[in-house]
Amino acid sequence: MTTFEAPIGNVPKAGQDVHLVRWIRSADGWTSQTLLCTYLGCTPDHWIVDSRGEQVSLARDEWSQFAF
């Protein structure tokens, strides 16, 4: 997987902790799922992060940075 060194949108620096969020529709309505992880890089379509020691690729159209 190729990553880009130039930022795509508003992305953190590699090695920085990032808090991501996505919304999931359930039988009861909408609920959020959050993930606190370490940013490694990105492609136009995916966040590449470290979550609990495992490299994970998350779809950028599903996951957004959580703003405090």
C-alpha atoms as a PDB file:
ATOM      1  CA  MET A   1       0.000   0.000   0.000  1.00  0.00           C
ATOM      2  CA  THR A   2       1.415   3.395  -0.974  1.00  0.00           C
ATOM      3  CA  THR A   3       1.198   6.210   1.541  1.00  0.00           C
ATOM      4  CA  PHE A   4       1.513   9.906   0.836  1.00  0.00           C
ATOM      5  CA  GLU A   5       3.948  12.183   2.641  1.00  0.00           C
ATOM      6  CA  ALA A   6       1.983  15.302   1.754  1.00  0.00           C
ATOM      7  CA  PRO A   7      -1.144  15.791   3.887  1.00  0.00           C
ATOM      8  CA  ILE A   8      -4.493  14.873   2.379  1.00  0.00           C
ATOM      9  CA  GLY A   9      -6.950  17.185   4.034  1.00  0.00           C
ATOM     10  CA  ASN A  10      -6.401  17.800   7.724  1.00  0.00           C
ATOM     11  CA  VAL A  11      -4.255  14.889   8.932  1.00  0.00           C
ATOM     12  CA  PRO A  12      -1.958  14.587  11.959  1.00  0.00           C
ATOM     13  CA  LYS A  13       1.787  13.989  11.814  1.00  0.00           C
ATOM     14  CA  ALA A  14       3.023  10.384  11.643  1.00  0.00           C
ATOM     15  CA  GLY A  15       3.390   8.965  15.158  1.00  0.00           C
ATOM     16  CA  GLN A  16       0.796  11.331  16.625  1.00  0.00           C
ATOM     17  CA  ASP A  17      -2.186   9.980  18.561  1.00  0.00           C
ATOM     18  CA  VAL A  18      -5.478  10.500  16.767  1.00  0.00           C
ATOM     19  CA  HIS A  19      -9.077   9.976  17.819  1.00  0.00           C
ATOM     20  CA  LEU A  20     -11.306   8.720  14.983  1.00  0.00           C
ATOM     21  CA  VAL A  21     -15.092   8.371  14.938  1.00  0.00           C
ATOM     22  CA  ARG A  22     -17.677   6.743  12.688  1.00  0.00           C
ATOM     23  CA  TRP A  23     -21.459   6.511  12.873  1.00  0.00           C
ATOM     24  CA  ILE A  24     -23.224   3.160  12.675  1.00  0.00           C
ATOM     25  CA  ARG A  25     -26.941   2.657  12.073  1.00  0.00           C
ATOM     26  CA  SER A  26     -28.552   0.126  14.386  1.00  0.00           C
ATOM     27  CA  ALA A  27     -32.087  -1.037  15.126  1.00  0.00           C
ATOM     28  CA  ASP A  28     -32.286   1.667  17.825  1.00  0.00           C
ATOM     29  CA  GLY A  29     -31.035   4.491  15.600  1.00  0.00           C
ATOM     30  CA  TRP A  30     -27.502   5.815  15.204  1.00  0.00           C
ATOM     31  CA  THR A  31     -24.560   5.142  17.492  1.00  0.00           C
ATOM     32  CA  SER A  32     -20.959   6.280  17.341  1.00  0.00           C
ATOM     33  CA  GLN A  33     -17.856   4.126  17.434  1.00  0.00           C
ATOM     34  CA  THR A  34     -14.572   5.800  18.392  1.00  0.00           C
ATOM     35  CA  LEU A  35     -10.992   4.653  18.133  1.00  0.00           C
ATOM     36  CA  LEU A  36      -7.952   6.159  19.853  1.00  0.00           C
ATOM     37  CA  CYS A  37      -4.909   5.106  17.827  1.00  0.00           C
ATOM     38  CA  THR A  38      -1.550   6.240  16.460  1.00  0.00           C
ATOM     39  CA  TYR A  39      -1.512   7.776  12.995  1.00  0.00           C
ATOM     40  CA  LEU A  40       0.982   6.119  10.621  1.00  0.00           C
ATOM     41  CA  GLY A  41      -0.042   7.504   7.221  1.00  0.00           C
ATOM     42  CA  CYS A  42      -2.855   7.614   4.717  1.00  0.00           C
ATOM     43  CA  THR A  43      -3.891   7.079   1.136  1.00  0.00           C
ATOM     44  CA  PRO A  44      -6.677   8.992  -0.591  1.00  0.00           C
ATOM     45  CA  ASP A  45      -9.090   6.261   0.580  1.00  0.00           C
ATOM     46  CA  HIS A  46      -7.712   4.959   3.905  1.00  0.00           C
ATOM     47  CA  TRP A  47      -6.318   5.973   7.273  1.00  0.00           C
ATOM     48  CA  ILE A  48      -3.356   3.771   8.210  1.00  0.00           C
ATOM     49  CA  VAL A  49      -3.093   3.592  11.990  1.00  0.00           C
ATOM     50  CA  ASP A  50      -1.664   1.498  14.785  1.00  0.00           C
ATOM     51  CA  SER A  51      -4.355   0.211  17.113  1.00  0.00           C
ATOM     52  CA  ARG A  52      -3.111  -1.789  20.106  1.00  0.00           C
ATOM     53  CA  GLY A  53       0.075  -2.814  18.306  1.00  0.00           C
ATOM     54  CA  GLU A  54      -1.641  -3.837  15.074  1.00  0.00           C
ATOM     55  CA  GLN A  55      -1.488  -1.874  11.809  1.00  0.00           C
ATOM     56  CA  VAL A  56      -5.030  -1.224  10.586  1.00  0.00           C
ATOM     57  CA  SER A  57      -6.384   0.368   7.406  1.00  0.00           C
ATOM     58  CA  LEU A  58      -9.670   2.250   7.914  1.00  0.00           C
ATOM     59  CA  ALA A  59     -11.856   3.652   5.127  1.00  0.00           C
ATOM     60  CA  ARG A  60     -11.690   7.461   5.092  1.00  0.00           C
ATOM     61  CA  ASP A  61     -15.300   7.680   3.874  1.00  0.00           C
ATOM     62  CA  GLU A  62     -16.402   5.897   7.094  1.00  0.00           C
ATOM     63  CA  TRP A  63     -13.954   7.316   9.671  1.00  0.00           C
ATOM     64  CA  SER A  64     -13.325  10.995  10.495  1.00  0.00           C
ATOM     65  CA  GLN A  65     -11.123  12.771  13.002  1.00  0.00           C
ATOM     66  CA  PHE A  66     -12.993  13.384  16.235  1.00  0.00           C
ATOM     67  CA  ALA A  67     -12.940  17.066  17.188  1.00  0.00           C
ATOM     68  CA  PHE A  68     -12.855  17.758  20.917  1.00  0.00           C
END
